[in-house]
């Protein structure tokens, strides 16, 4: 008989945003006993598992999984103020998506994982960005659809609600080596593009490397992202002219990057004075554009995960019920996460 995986108890609880005390009250057991279950000090009786399953809205099969739970790339992040419950919930939900993706990849040959291993000659984030644009055969100029570029090269992009604007993106690497990049679905489209480029940087620059003392990996990722989205050789002339809000707006239309990111690019390249930078930042702030600017580019929608699910439902003729069972989710949650398209279903 299979044993309940104590790690899945904790993961399920955290994914619902509950602490031990709150779940213990819902299932009518002492908090100390629940703590012992999650530490695997005591087993989980069938009756208790029934209560946990109902309280957390997961089928009982969920708790018998032996998948590997991975942290996201949070070790790259500078310290930001996020309450622990929100952070744990986000990490848990991302891992559950990872489990589901890995189930799909067991039957699908997603052979387009095209993330190169760097040689030592690429000694700066900007050089790596230039190399990747060439390696992925990205033409000069603005990248029309960055999400498609990422997915065409085997990076799975998923929009989720982090329930906070303090998390823009995170990445988890699947057991197959495919990066899964999670983007805040509530962010503006220009910010989503910068976040995706930033996460691509972490995948390429840092995913297979141990953190190095004194190395600012966040700064490296932003340098990569700026060069990747706005190659300096192509935008230097525009940034070198006297920038105004109107000029920033024109450049945003061209490069599909926020005015604030363009302004930062000019500052980092020492193409504007500090006083001019502060003046334009104050104008942006006075207009209330700090969090959401006008002239947003069209939002890019990920399609790779949808296509993978569609193959299971269409070509492999799985019903919704079978898919929910494979993913170890209840039907409502499966439909909410994966049935965003009008797939042709067979009768179960």
C-alpha atoms as a PDB file:
ATOM      1  CA  UNK A   1       0.000   0.000   0.000  1.00  0.00           C
ATOM      2  CA  UNK A   2       1.343   3.435  -0.950  1.00  0.00           C
ATOM      3  CA  UNK A   3       2.159   5.832   1.826  1.00  0.00           C
ATOM      4  CA  UNK A   4       1.024   9.450   1.976  1.00  0.00           C
ATOM      5  CA  UNK A   5       3.932  11.723   1.072  1.00  0.00           C
ATOM      6  CA  UNK A   6       4.274  14.131   3.984  1.00  0.00           C
ATOM      7  CA  UNK A   7       5.866  16.729   1.708  1.00  0.00           C
ATOM      8  CA  UNK A   8       2.705  16.823  -0.398  1.00  0.00           C
ATOM      9  CA  UNK A   9       0.655  17.541   2.722  1.00  0.00           C
ATOM     10  CA  UNK A  10       2.692  20.661   3.335  1.00  0.00           C
ATOM     11  CA  UNK A  11       2.719  21.635  -0.352  1.00  0.00           C
ATOM     12  CA  UNK A  12      -1.060  21.306  -0.658  1.00  0.00           C
ATOM     13  CA  UNK A  13      -1.632  23.340   2.499  1.00  0.00           C
ATOM     14  CA  UNK A  14       0.738  26.106   1.413  1.00  0.00           C
ATOM     15  CA  UNK A  15      -0.809  26.234  -2.067  1.00  0.00           C
ATOM     16  CA  UNK A  16      -4.126  27.167  -0.425  1.00  0.00           C
ATOM     17  CA  UNK A  17      -2.513  29.898   1.643  1.00  0.00           C
ATOM     18  CA  UNK A  18      -3.107  28.183   5.001  1.00  0.00           C
ATOM     19  CA  UNK A  19      -0.802  27.795   7.958  1.00  0.00           C
ATOM     20  CA  UNK A  20      -0.840  24.678  10.143  1.00  0.00           C
ATOM     21  CA  UNK A  21      -3.140  26.188  12.742  1.00  0.00           C
ATOM     22  CA  UNK A  22      -5.745  27.156  10.119  1.00  0.00           C
ATOM     23  CA  UNK A  23      -5.750  23.725   8.460  1.00  0.00           C
ATOM     24  CA  UNK A  24      -5.788  21.918  11.800  1.00  0.00           C
ATOM     25  CA  UNK A  25      -8.958  23.806  12.729  1.00  0.00           C
ATOM     26  CA  UNK A  26     -10.589  22.915   9.401  1.00  0.00           C
ATOM     27  CA  UNK A  27      -9.917  19.186   9.790  1.00  0.00           C
ATOM     28  CA  UNK A  28     -10.501  19.135  13.557  1.00  0.00           C
ATOM     29  CA  UNK A  29      -7.137  17.757  14.658  1.00  0.00           C
ATOM     30  CA  UNK A  30      -4.589  19.228  17.088  1.00  0.00           C
ATOM     31  CA  UNK A  31      -2.055  21.465  15.357  1.00  0.00           C
ATOM     32  CA  UNK A  32       0.726  19.408  16.934  1.00  0.00           C
ATOM     33  CA  UNK A  33      -0.538  16.253  15.239  1.00  0.00           C
ATOM     34  CA  UNK A  34      -0.678  17.973  11.850  1.00  0.00           C
ATOM     35  CA  UNK A  35       2.873  19.190  12.403  1.00  0.00           C
ATOM     36  CA  UNK A  36       3.985  15.611  13.119  1.00  0.00           C
ATOM     37  CA  UNK A  37       2.272  14.399   9.928  1.00  0.00           C
ATOM     38  CA  UNK A  38       4.072  17.014   7.850  1.00  0.00           C
ATOM     39  CA  UNK A  39       7.394  16.009   9.423  1.00  0.00           C
ATOM     40  CA  UNK A  40       6.577  12.339   8.741  1.00  0.00           C
ATOM     41  CA  UNK A  41       6.823  11.526  12.464  1.00  0.00           C
ATOM     42  CA  UNK A  42       3.397   9.896  12.361  1.00  0.00           C
ATOM     43  CA  UNK A  43       1.321   8.459   9.542  1.00  0.00           C
ATOM     44  CA  UNK A  44      -1.906   9.841   8.113  1.00  0.00           C
ATOM     45  CA  UNK A  45      -5.012   7.822   8.822  1.00  0.00           C
ATOM     46  CA  UNK A  46      -7.509   7.342   6.012  1.00  0.00           C
ATOM     47  CA  UNK A  47     -10.174   9.298   7.855  1.00  0.00           C
ATOM     48  CA  UNK A  48      -7.822  12.236   8.377  1.00  0.00           C
ATOM     49  CA  UNK A  49      -6.724  12.124   4.735  1.00  0.00           C
ATOM     50  CA  UNK A  50     -10.376  12.343   3.683  1.00  0.00           C
ATOM     51  CA  UNK A  51     -10.767  15.504   5.750  1.00  0.00           C
ATOM     52  CA  UNK A  52      -7.541  17.006   4.404  1.00  0.00           C
ATOM     53  CA  UNK A  53      -8.558  16.193   0.829  1.00  0.00           C
ATOM     54  CA  UNK A  54     -11.919  17.890   1.283  1.00  0.00           C
ATOM     55  CA  UNK A  55     -10.522  20.917   3.141  1.00  0.00           C
ATOM     56  CA  UNK A  56      -7.794  21.599   0.560  1.00  0.00           C
ATOM     57  CA  UNK A  57      -9.822  20.576  -2.516  1.00  0.00           C
ATOM     58  CA  UNK A  58      -7.316  18.054  -3.828  1.00  0.00           C
ATOM     59  CA  UNK A  59      -8.103  14.430  -4.705  1.00  0.00           C
ATOM     60  CA  UNK A  60      -6.529  11.890  -2.389  1.00  0.00           C
ATOM     61  CA  UNK A  61      -4.149  10.771  -5.161  1.00  0.00           C
ATOM     62  CA  UNK A  62      -2.455  14.170  -4.914  1.00  0.00           C
ATOM     63  CA  UNK A  63      -0.971  13.256  -1.537  1.00  0.00           C
ATOM     64  CA  UNK A  64       0.685  10.050  -2.796  1.00  0.00           C
ATOM     65  CA  UNK A  65       2.838  11.779  -5.419  1.00  0.00           C
ATOM     66  CA  UNK A  66       6.595  11.370  -5.172  1.00  0.00           C
ATOM     67  CA  UNK A  67       7.533  14.322  -7.396  1.00  0.00           C
ATOM     68  CA  UNK A  68      10.566  16.405  -6.531  1.00  0.00           C
ATOM     69  CA  UNK A  69       9.682  19.785  -5.033  1.00  0.00           C
ATOM     70  CA  UNK A  70      12.080  22.454  -6.276  1.00  0.00           C
ATOM     71  CA  UNK A  71      12.672  26.007  -5.134  1.00  0.00           C
ATOM     72  CA  UNK A  72      12.297  28.663  -7.800  1.00  0.00           C
ATOM     73  CA  UNK A  73      15.147  31.040  -8.616  1.00  0.00           C
ATOM     74  CA  UNK A  74      14.565  33.064  -5.445  1.00  0.00           C
ATOM     75  CA  UNK A  75      18.257  32.746  -4.512  1.00  0.00           C
ATOM     76  CA  UNK A  76      18.911  35.221  -7.287  1.00  0.00           C
ATOM     77  CA  UNK A  77      16.635  37.809  -5.755  1.00  0.00           C
ATOM     78  CA  UNK A  78      17.510  40.699  -3.545  1.00  0.00           C
ATOM     79  CA  UNK A  79      15.568  40.813  -0.318  1.00  0.00           C
ATOM     80  CA  UNK A  80      12.068  42.184  -0.858  1.00  0.00           C
ATOM     81  CA  UNK A  81       9.279  42.480   1.635  1.00  0.00           C
ATOM     82  CA  UNK A  82       6.757  39.710   0.888  1.00  0.00           C
ATOM     83  CA  UNK A  83       4.745  38.036   3.612  1.00  0.00           C
ATOM     84  CA  UNK A  84       5.737  34.413   4.094  1.00  0.00           C
ATOM     85  CA  UNK A  85       2.281  32.989   3.409  1.00  0.00           C
ATOM     86  CA  UNK A  86       2.089  34.651  -0.024  1.00  0.00           C
ATOM     87  CA  UNK A  87       5.606  33.527  -0.919  1.00  0.00           C
ATOM     88  CA  UNK A  88       5.002  29.924   0.155  1.00  0.00           C
ATOM     89  CA  UNK A  89       1.718  29.828  -1.757  1.00  0.00           C
ATOM     90  CA  UNK A  90       3.411  31.040  -4.940  1.00  0.00           C
ATOM     91  CA  UNK A  91       6.213  28.484  -4.600  1.00  0.00           C
ATOM     92  CA  UNK A  92       3.705  25.676  -4.017  1.00  0.00           C
ATOM     93  CA  UNK A  93       1.529  26.568  -7.007  1.00  0.00           C
ATOM     94  CA  UNK A  94       4.572  26.792  -9.280  1.00  0.00           C
ATOM     95  CA  UNK A  95       5.671  23.322  -8.184  1.00  0.00           C
ATOM     96  CA  UNK A  96       2.228  21.888  -8.889  1.00  0.00           C
ATOM     97  CA  UNK A  97       2.392  23.352 -12.392  1.00  0.00           C
ATOM     98  CA  UNK A  98       5.852  21.767 -12.683  1.00  0.00           C
ATOM     99  CA  UNK A  99       4.415  18.357 -11.755  1.00  0.00           C
ATOM    100  CA  UNK A 100       1.744  18.763 -14.437  1.00  0.00           C
ATOM    101  CA  UNK A 101       4.240  19.820 -17.105  1.00  0.00           C
ATOM    102  CA  UNK A 102       6.449  16.853 -16.243  1.00  0.00           C
ATOM    103  CA  UNK A 103       3.466  14.508 -16.667  1.00  0.00           C
ATOM    104  CA  UNK A 104       2.885  15.944 -20.141  1.00  0.00           C
ATOM    105  CA  UNK A 105       6.553  15.623 -21.050  1.00  0.00           C
ATOM    106  CA  UNK A 106       6.507  11.898 -20.210  1.00  0.00           C
ATOM    107  CA  UNK A 107       4.431  11.363 -23.363  1.00  0.00           C
ATOM    108  CA  UNK A 108       5.466  14.319 -25.514  1.00  0.00           C
ATOM    109  CA  UNK A 109       8.783  14.827 -27.251  1.00  0.00           C
ATOM    110  CA  UNK A 110       9.429  18.499 -26.652  1.00  0.00           C
ATOM    111  CA  UNK A 111      12.844  18.330 -28.234  1.00  0.00           C
ATOM    112  CA  UNK A 112      13.211  22.045 -28.867  1.00  0.00           C
ATOM    113  CA  UNK A 113      15.088  22.784 -25.660  1.00  0.00           C
ATOM    114  CA  UNK A 114      17.560  25.177 -27.218  1.00  0.00           C
ATOM    115  CA  UNK A 115      19.262  26.879 -24.297  1.00  0.00           C
ATOM    116  CA  UNK A 116      23.015  26.879 -24.902  1.00  0.00           C
ATOM    117  CA  UNK A 117      25.674  26.178 -22.308  1.00  0.00           C
ATOM    118  CA  UNK A 118      27.956  29.186 -22.225  1.00  0.00           C
ATOM    119  CA  UNK A 119      31.674  29.128 -22.724  1.00  0.00           C
ATOM    120  CA  UNK A 120      33.949  31.326 -20.661  1.00  0.00           C
ATOM    121  CA  UNK A 121      34.506  33.722 -23.571  1.00  0.00           C
ATOM    122  CA  UNK A 122      31.147  35.410 -22.914  1.00  0.00           C
ATOM    123  CA  UNK A 123      32.379  37.440 -19.986  1.00  0.00           C
ATOM    124  CA  UNK A 124      29.582  40.008 -19.714  1.00  0.00           C
ATOM    125  CA  UNK A 125      25.763  39.868 -19.692  1.00  0.00           C
ATOM    126  CA  UNK A 126      25.667  42.201 -22.696  1.00  0.00           C
ATOM    127  CA  UNK A 127      27.887  39.881 -24.752  1.00  0.00           C
ATOM    128  CA  UNK A 128      25.690  36.936 -23.799  1.00  0.00           C
ATOM    129  CA  UNK A 129      22.578  38.856 -24.876  1.00  0.00           C
ATOM    130  CA  UNK A 130      24.143  39.596 -28.270  1.00  0.00           C
ATOM    131  CA  UNK A 131      25.138  35.947 -28.639  1.00  0.00           C
ATOM    132  CA  UNK A 132      21.671  34.651 -27.759  1.00  0.00           C
ATOM    133  CA  UNK A 133      20.004  36.988 -30.277  1.00  0.00           C
ATOM    134  CA  UNK A 134      22.302  35.527 -32.924  1.00  0.00           C
ATOM    135  CA  UNK A 135      21.978  31.928 -31.670  1.00  0.00           C
ATOM    136  CA  UNK A 136      18.181  32.143 -31.740  1.00  0.00           C
ATOM    137  CA  UNK A 137      18.295  33.884 -35.136  1.00  0.00           C
ATOM    138  CA  UNK A 138      16.491  36.991 -33.905  1.00  0.00           C
ATOM    139  CA  UNK A 139      16.583  39.689 -36.591  1.00  0.00           C
ATOM    140  CA  UNK A 140      17.736  43.224 -35.885  1.00  0.00           C
ATOM    141  CA  UNK A 141      15.320  45.629 -34.269  1.00  0.00           C
ATOM    142  CA  UNK A 142      12.560  45.138 -31.745  1.00  0.00           C
ATOM    143  CA  UNK A 143      11.545  41.578 -30.846  1.00  0.00           C
ATOM    144  CA  UNK A 144       7.967  41.359 -32.070  1.00  0.00           C
ATOM    145  CA  UNK A 145       6.829  38.517 -29.780  1.00  0.00           C
ATOM    146  CA  UNK A 146       9.329  37.616 -27.065  1.00  0.00           C
ATOM    147  CA  UNK A 147       7.078  34.923 -25.613  1.00  0.00           C
ATOM    148  CA  UNK A 148       6.989  33.073 -28.932  1.00  0.00           C
ATOM    149  CA  UNK A 149      10.775  33.305 -29.202  1.00  0.00           C
ATOM    150  CA  UNK A 150      11.143  31.773 -25.741  1.00  0.00           C
ATOM    151  CA  UNK A 151       8.619  28.999 -26.411  1.00  0.00           C
ATOM    152  CA  UNK A 152      10.109  28.207 -29.834  1.00  0.00           C
ATOM    153  CA  UNK A 153      13.328  27.446 -27.963  1.00  0.00           C
ATOM    154  CA  UNK A 154      11.760  25.129 -25.387  1.00  0.00           C
ATOM    155  CA  UNK A 155      11.127  27.602 -22.555  1.00  0.00           C
ATOM    156  CA  UNK A 156       7.623  27.065 -21.197  1.00  0.00           C
ATOM    157  CA  UNK A 157       5.938  30.330 -20.200  1.00  0.00           C
ATOM    158  CA  UNK A 158       2.990  30.379 -17.787  1.00  0.00           C
ATOM    159  CA  UNK A 159       1.016  33.394 -16.547  1.00  0.00           C
ATOM    160  CA  UNK A 160      -0.159  33.065 -12.946  1.00  0.00           C
ATOM    161  CA  UNK A 161      -1.630  35.307 -10.271  1.00  0.00           C
ATOM    162  CA  UNK A 162       1.034  35.782  -7.597  1.00  0.00           C
ATOM    163  CA  UNK A 163      -1.512  37.757  -5.535  1.00  0.00           C
ATOM    164  CA  UNK A 164       1.105  40.463  -5.081  1.00  0.00           C
ATOM    165  CA  UNK A 165       2.802  42.956  -7.366  1.00  0.00           C
ATOM    166  CA  UNK A 166       6.099  42.347  -5.559  1.00  0.00           C
ATOM    167  CA  UNK A 167       6.729  39.146  -7.532  1.00  0.00           C
ATOM    168  CA  UNK A 168       7.097  39.768 -11.259  1.00  0.00           C
ATOM    169  CA  UNK A 169       8.492  36.412 -12.329  1.00  0.00           C
ATOM    170  CA  UNK A 170      10.116  33.186 -11.207  1.00  0.00           C
ATOM    171  CA  UNK A 171      11.670  30.174 -12.948  1.00  0.00           C
ATOM    172  CA  UNK A 172      11.708  26.473 -12.104  1.00  0.00           C
ATOM    173  CA  UNK A 173      13.630  23.880 -14.138  1.00  0.00           C
ATOM    174  CA  UNK A 174      11.646  20.717 -14.970  1.00  0.00           C
ATOM    175  CA  UNK A 175      13.222  17.279 -14.533  1.00  0.00           C
ATOM    176  CA  UNK A 176      13.734  17.207 -18.321  1.00  0.00           C
ATOM    177  CA  UNK A 177      15.790  20.393 -18.124  1.00  0.00           C
ATOM    178  CA  UNK A 178      13.095  22.552 -19.726  1.00  0.00           C
ATOM    179  CA  UNK A 179      12.840  25.939 -17.994  1.00  0.00           C
ATOM    180  CA  UNK A 180       9.350  26.894 -16.820  1.00  0.00           C
ATOM    181  CA  UNK A 181       9.039  30.658 -16.488  1.00  0.00           C
ATOM    182  CA  UNK A 182       6.152  32.042 -14.446  1.00  0.00           C
ATOM    183  CA  UNK A 183       5.080  35.607 -15.171  1.00  0.00           C
ATOM    184  CA  UNK A 184       2.725  37.765 -13.090  1.00  0.00           C
ATOM    185  CA  UNK A 185      -0.498  37.807 -15.129  1.00  0.00           C
ATOM    186  CA  UNK A 186      -1.529  41.139 -13.604  1.00  0.00           C
ATOM    187  CA  UNK A 187       1.565  43.061 -14.719  1.00  0.00           C
ATOM    188  CA  UNK A 188       1.515  45.449 -17.657  1.00  0.00           C
ATOM    189  CA  UNK A 189       2.540  43.956 -21.002  1.00  0.00           C
ATOM    190  CA  UNK A 190       5.747  45.993 -21.240  1.00  0.00           C
ATOM    191  CA  UNK A 191       6.721  44.865 -17.752  1.00  0.00           C
ATOM    192  CA  UNK A 192       5.944  41.238 -18.650  1.00  0.00           C
ATOM    193  CA  UNK A 193       8.351  41.461 -21.589  1.00  0.00           C
ATOM    194  CA  UNK A 194      11.124  42.852 -19.378  1.00  0.00           C
ATOM    195  CA  UNK A 195      10.412  40.189 -16.751  1.00  0.00           C
ATOM    196  CA  UNK A 196      10.537  37.375 -19.309  1.00  0.00           C
ATOM    197  CA  UNK A 197      13.835  38.676 -20.696  1.00  0.00           C
ATOM    198  CA  UNK A 198      15.119  38.933 -17.116  1.00  0.00           C
ATOM    199  CA  UNK A 199      14.125  35.309 -16.404  1.00  0.00           C
ATOM    200  CA  UNK A 200      15.726  34.137 -19.666  1.00  0.00           C
ATOM    201  CA  UNK A 201      18.908  35.795 -18.410  1.00  0.00           C
ATOM    202  CA  UNK A 202      18.778  33.809 -15.167  1.00  0.00           C
ATOM    203  CA  UNK A 203      18.220  30.575 -17.102  1.00  0.00           C
ATOM    204  CA  UNK A 204      21.194  31.191 -19.380  1.00  0.00           C
ATOM    205  CA  UNK A 205      23.581  32.945 -17.011  1.00  0.00           C
ATOM    206  CA  UNK A 206      22.864  31.319 -13.662  1.00  0.00           C
ATOM    207  CA  UNK A 207      20.652  28.209 -13.715  1.00  0.00           C
ATOM    208  CA  UNK A 208      23.548  25.763 -13.986  1.00  0.00           C
ATOM    209  CA  UNK A 209      25.984  27.772 -11.895  1.00  0.00           C
ATOM    210  CA  UNK A 210      26.443  28.130  -8.177  1.00  0.00           C
ATOM    211  CA  UNK A 211      26.063  31.680  -6.865  1.00  0.00           C
ATOM    212  CA  UNK A 212      29.404  33.497  -6.671  1.00  0.00           C
ATOM    213  CA  UNK A 213      30.186  35.717  -3.696  1.00  0.00           C
ATOM    214  CA  UNK A 214      30.227  39.377  -4.654  1.00  0.00           C
ATOM    215  CA  UNK A 215      28.429  38.731  -7.936  1.00  0.00           C
ATOM    216  CA  UNK A 216      25.197  40.684  -8.360  1.00  0.00           C
ATOM    217  CA  UNK A 217      23.106  38.234 -10.371  1.00  0.00           C
ATOM    218  CA  UNK A 218      20.095  40.538 -10.386  1.00  0.00           C
ATOM    219  CA  UNK A 219      22.166  43.313 -11.926  1.00  0.00           C
ATOM    220  CA  UNK A 220      23.566  40.872 -14.485  1.00  0.00           C
ATOM    221  CA  UNK A 221      20.045  39.775 -15.436  1.00  0.00           C
ATOM    222  CA  UNK A 222      18.898  43.356 -15.954  1.00  0.00           C
ATOM    223  CA  UNK A 223      21.954  44.165 -18.077  1.00  0.00           C
ATOM    224  CA  UNK A 224      21.202  41.116 -20.229  1.00  0.00           C
ATOM    225  CA  UNK A 225      17.520  42.036 -20.496  1.00  0.00           C
ATOM    226  CA  UNK A 226      18.193  45.624 -21.575  1.00  0.00           C
ATOM    227  CA  UNK A 227      20.711  44.597 -24.238  1.00  0.00           C
ATOM    228  CA  UNK A 228      18.504  41.699 -25.396  1.00  0.00           C
ATOM    229  CA  UNK A 229      15.420  43.887 -25.850  1.00  0.00           C
ATOM    230  CA  UNK A 230      17.217  47.082 -26.974  1.00  0.00           C
ATOM    231  CA  UNK A 231      20.636  46.340 -28.514  1.00  0.00           C
ATOM    232  CA  UNK A 232      22.870  49.283 -27.739  1.00  0.00           C
ATOM    233  CA  UNK A 233      24.285  49.459 -31.249  1.00  0.00           C
ATOM    234  CA  UNK A 234      20.767  49.954 -32.589  1.00  0.00           C
ATOM    235  CA  UNK A 235      19.382  52.418 -30.042  1.00  0.00           C
ATOM    236  CA  UNK A 236      22.471  54.464 -29.135  1.00  0.00           C
ATOM    237  CA  UNK A 237      21.646  57.351 -31.486  1.00  0.00           C
ATOM    238  CA  UNK A 238      18.081  57.730 -30.177  1.00  0.00           C
ATOM    239  CA  UNK A 239      19.199  57.612 -26.541  1.00  0.00           C
ATOM    240  CA  UNK A 240      21.979  60.070 -27.212  1.00  0.00           C
ATOM    241  CA  UNK A 241      19.574  62.790 -28.310  1.00  0.00           C
ATOM    242  CA  UNK A 242      17.905  64.908 -25.666  1.00  0.00           C
ATOM    243  CA  UNK A 243      15.230  62.710 -24.147  1.00  0.00           C
ATOM    244  CA  UNK A 244      11.739  64.014 -23.404  1.00  0.00           C
ATOM    245  CA  UNK A 245       8.549  62.241 -22.396  1.00  0.00           C
ATOM    246  CA  UNK A 246       7.430  62.471 -26.026  1.00  0.00           C
ATOM    247  CA  UNK A 247      10.688  60.911 -27.228  1.00  0.00           C
ATOM    248  CA  UNK A 248      10.422  58.165 -24.606  1.00  0.00           C
ATOM    249  CA  UNK A 249       6.879  57.449 -25.802  1.00  0.00           C
ATOM    250  CA  UNK A 250       8.073  57.192 -29.422  1.00  0.00           C
ATOM    251  CA  UNK A 251      10.857  54.800 -28.421  1.00  0.00           C
ATOM    252  CA  UNK A 252       8.410  52.711 -26.410  1.00  0.00           C
ATOM    253  CA  UNK A 253       6.262  52.227 -29.516  1.00  0.00           C
ATOM    254  CA  UNK A 254       9.327  51.034 -31.413  1.00  0.00           C
ATOM    255  CA  UNK A 255      10.972  48.764 -28.820  1.00  0.00           C
ATOM    256  CA  UNK A 256       7.910  47.643 -26.780  1.00  0.00           C
ATOM    257  CA  UNK A 257       9.794  48.462 -23.606  1.00  0.00           C
ATOM    258  CA  UNK A 258       8.558  50.768 -20.852  1.00  0.00           C
ATOM    259  CA  UNK A 259       9.582  54.407 -20.836  1.00  0.00           C
ATOM    260  CA  UNK A 260      11.167  53.852 -17.438  1.00  0.00           C
ATOM    261  CA  UNK A 261      13.282  50.974 -18.763  1.00  0.00           C
ATOM    262  CA  UNK A 262      14.392  53.114 -21.714  1.00  0.00           C
ATOM    263  CA  UNK A 263      15.296  55.907 -19.310  1.00  0.00           C
ATOM    264  CA  UNK A 264      17.304  53.472 -17.171  1.00  0.00           C
ATOM    265  CA  UNK A 265      19.060  52.240 -20.308  1.00  0.00           C
ATOM    266  CA  UNK A 266      20.123  55.798 -21.181  1.00  0.00           C
ATOM    267  CA  UNK A 267      21.306  56.452 -17.626  1.00  0.00           C
ATOM    268  CA  UNK A 268      23.290  53.220 -17.363  1.00  0.00           C
ATOM    269  CA  UNK A 269      25.018  54.003 -20.649  1.00  0.00           C
ATOM    270  CA  UNK A 270      25.772  57.530 -19.351  1.00  0.00           C
ATOM    271  CA  UNK A 271      23.921  59.101 -22.256  1.00  0.00           C
ATOM    272  CA  UNK A 272      21.930  61.521 -20.070  1.00  0.00           C
ATOM    273  CA  UNK A 273      22.860  63.571 -17.045  1.00  0.00           C
ATOM    274  CA  UNK A 274      21.689  62.672 -13.561  1.00  0.00           C
ATOM    275  CA  UNK A 275      19.650  65.849 -13.384  1.00  0.00           C
ATOM    276  CA  UNK A 276      17.878  65.068 -16.669  1.00  0.00           C
ATOM    277  CA  UNK A 277      17.212  61.522 -15.467  1.00  0.00           C
ATOM    278  CA  UNK A 278      15.710  62.755 -12.187  1.00  0.00           C
ATOM    279  CA  UNK A 279      13.583  65.335 -14.021  1.00  0.00           C
ATOM    280  CA  UNK A 280      12.060  62.748 -16.366  1.00  0.00           C
ATOM    281  CA  UNK A 281      11.492  60.326 -13.514  1.00  0.00           C
ATOM    282  CA  UNK A 282       9.636  63.035 -11.601  1.00  0.00           C
ATOM    283  CA  UNK A 283       7.477  63.739 -14.678  1.00  0.00           C
ATOM    284  CA  UNK A 284       6.613  60.049 -14.959  1.00  0.00           C
ATOM    285  CA  UNK A 285       5.786  59.935 -11.259  1.00  0.00           C
ATOM    286  CA  UNK A 286       3.657  63.102 -11.383  1.00  0.00           C
ATOM    287  CA  UNK A 287       1.573  61.599 -14.174  1.00  0.00           C
ATOM    288  CA  UNK A 288       0.962  58.440 -12.116  1.00  0.00           C
ATOM    289  CA  UNK A 289       2.835  56.230 -14.565  1.00  0.00           C
ATOM    290  CA  UNK A 290       5.202  54.516 -12.120  1.00  0.00           C
ATOM    291  CA  UNK A 291       3.236  51.254 -12.004  1.00  0.00           C
ATOM    292  CA  UNK A 292       1.375  51.379 -15.313  1.00  0.00           C
ATOM    293  CA  UNK A 293       2.289  53.541 -18.260  1.00  0.00           C
ATOM    294  CA  UNK A 294       0.218  54.478 -21.310  1.00  0.00           C
ATOM    295  CA  UNK A 295       0.915  53.003 -24.763  1.00  0.00           C
ATOM    296  CA  UNK A 296       1.134  49.409 -23.566  1.00  0.00           C
ATOM    297  CA  UNK A 297       2.140  46.988 -26.331  1.00  0.00           C
ATOM    298  CA  UNK A 298      -0.252  44.165 -27.171  1.00  0.00           C
ATOM    299  CA  UNK A 299      -0.061  41.525 -24.444  1.00  0.00           C
ATOM    300  CA  UNK A 300       1.794  38.412 -25.540  1.00  0.00           C
ATOM    301  CA  UNK A 301      -0.053  35.188 -24.731  1.00  0.00           C
ATOM    302  CA  UNK A 302       1.855  31.941 -24.076  1.00  0.00           C
ATOM    303  CA  UNK A 303       0.657  29.023 -26.221  1.00  0.00           C
ATOM    304  CA  UNK A 304       3.088  26.143 -25.674  1.00  0.00           C
ATOM    305  CA  UNK A 305       1.433  24.663 -22.590  1.00  0.00           C
ATOM    306  CA  UNK A 306      -1.994  24.991 -24.218  1.00  0.00           C
ATOM    307  CA  UNK A 307      -0.684  23.121 -27.266  1.00  0.00           C
ATOM    308  CA  UNK A 308       0.717  20.341 -25.069  1.00  0.00           C
ATOM    309  CA  UNK A 309      -2.629  19.877 -23.325  1.00  0.00           C
ATOM    310  CA  UNK A 310      -4.417  20.040 -26.679  1.00  0.00           C
ATOM    311  CA  UNK A 311      -2.315  17.141 -27.983  1.00  0.00           C
ATOM    312  CA  UNK A 312      -3.357  15.008 -25.009  1.00  0.00           C
ATOM    313  CA  UNK A 313      -7.027  15.874 -25.451  1.00  0.00           C
ATOM    314  CA  UNK A 314      -7.100  15.827 -29.252  1.00  0.00           C
ATOM    315  CA  UNK A 315      -4.488  13.509 -30.728  1.00  0.00           C
ATOM    316  CA  UNK A 316      -4.085  11.208 -27.708  1.00  0.00           C
ATOM    317  CA  UNK A 317      -7.862  11.287 -27.061  1.00  0.00           C
ATOM    318  CA  UNK A 318      -7.838  11.865 -23.323  1.00  0.00           C
ATOM    319  CA  UNK A 319     -11.020  13.136 -21.709  1.00  0.00           C
ATOM    320  CA  UNK A 320     -11.113  16.018 -19.238  1.00  0.00           C
ATOM    321  CA  UNK A 321     -11.690  13.484 -16.467  1.00  0.00           C
ATOM    322  CA  UNK A 322      -8.595  11.531 -17.476  1.00  0.00           C
ATOM    323  CA  UNK A 323      -6.512  14.683 -17.652  1.00  0.00           C
ATOM    324  CA  UNK A 324      -7.632  15.809 -14.203  1.00  0.00           C
ATOM    325  CA  UNK A 325      -6.702  12.357 -12.883  1.00  0.00           C
ATOM    326  CA  UNK A 326      -3.270  12.473 -14.546  1.00  0.00           C
ATOM    327  CA  UNK A 327      -2.649  15.902 -13.010  1.00  0.00           C
ATOM    328  CA  UNK A 328      -4.128  14.809  -9.679  1.00  0.00           C
ATOM    329  CA  UNK A 329      -6.398  17.832  -9.588  1.00  0.00           C
ATOM    330  CA  UNK A 330     -10.121  18.141  -9.065  1.00  0.00           C
ATOM    331  CA  UNK A 331     -12.103  18.864 -12.213  1.00  0.00           C
ATOM    332  CA  UNK A 332     -12.874  22.490 -11.417  1.00  0.00           C
ATOM    333  CA  UNK A 333      -9.232  23.374 -10.890  1.00  0.00           C
ATOM    334  CA  UNK A 334      -8.135  21.477 -13.999  1.00  0.00           C
ATOM    335  CA  UNK A 335     -10.666  23.336 -16.141  1.00  0.00           C
ATOM    336  CA  UNK A 336      -9.740  26.700 -14.648  1.00  0.00           C
ATOM    337  CA  UNK A 337      -6.030  26.238 -15.325  1.00  0.00           C
ATOM    338  CA  UNK A 338      -5.956  24.307 -18.559  1.00  0.00           C
ATOM    339  CA  UNK A 339      -9.262  24.503 -20.423  1.00  0.00           C
ATOM    340  CA  UNK A 340      -8.923  28.071 -21.636  1.00  0.00           C
ATOM    341  CA  UNK A 341      -9.313  26.906 -25.237  1.00  0.00           C
ATOM    342  CA  UNK A 342     -12.309  25.246 -26.879  1.00  0.00           C
ATOM    343  CA  UNK A 343     -10.819  21.821 -27.318  1.00  0.00           C
ATOM    344  CA  UNK A 344     -12.783  19.074 -29.025  1.00  0.00           C
ATOM    345  CA  UNK A 345     -13.319  16.516 -26.302  1.00  0.00           C
ATOM    346  CA  UNK A 346     -14.180  12.871 -26.595  1.00  0.00           C
ATOM    347  CA  UNK A 347     -16.885  11.446 -24.353  1.00  0.00           C
ATOM    348  CA  UNK A 348     -15.429   9.843 -21.234  1.00  0.00           C
END
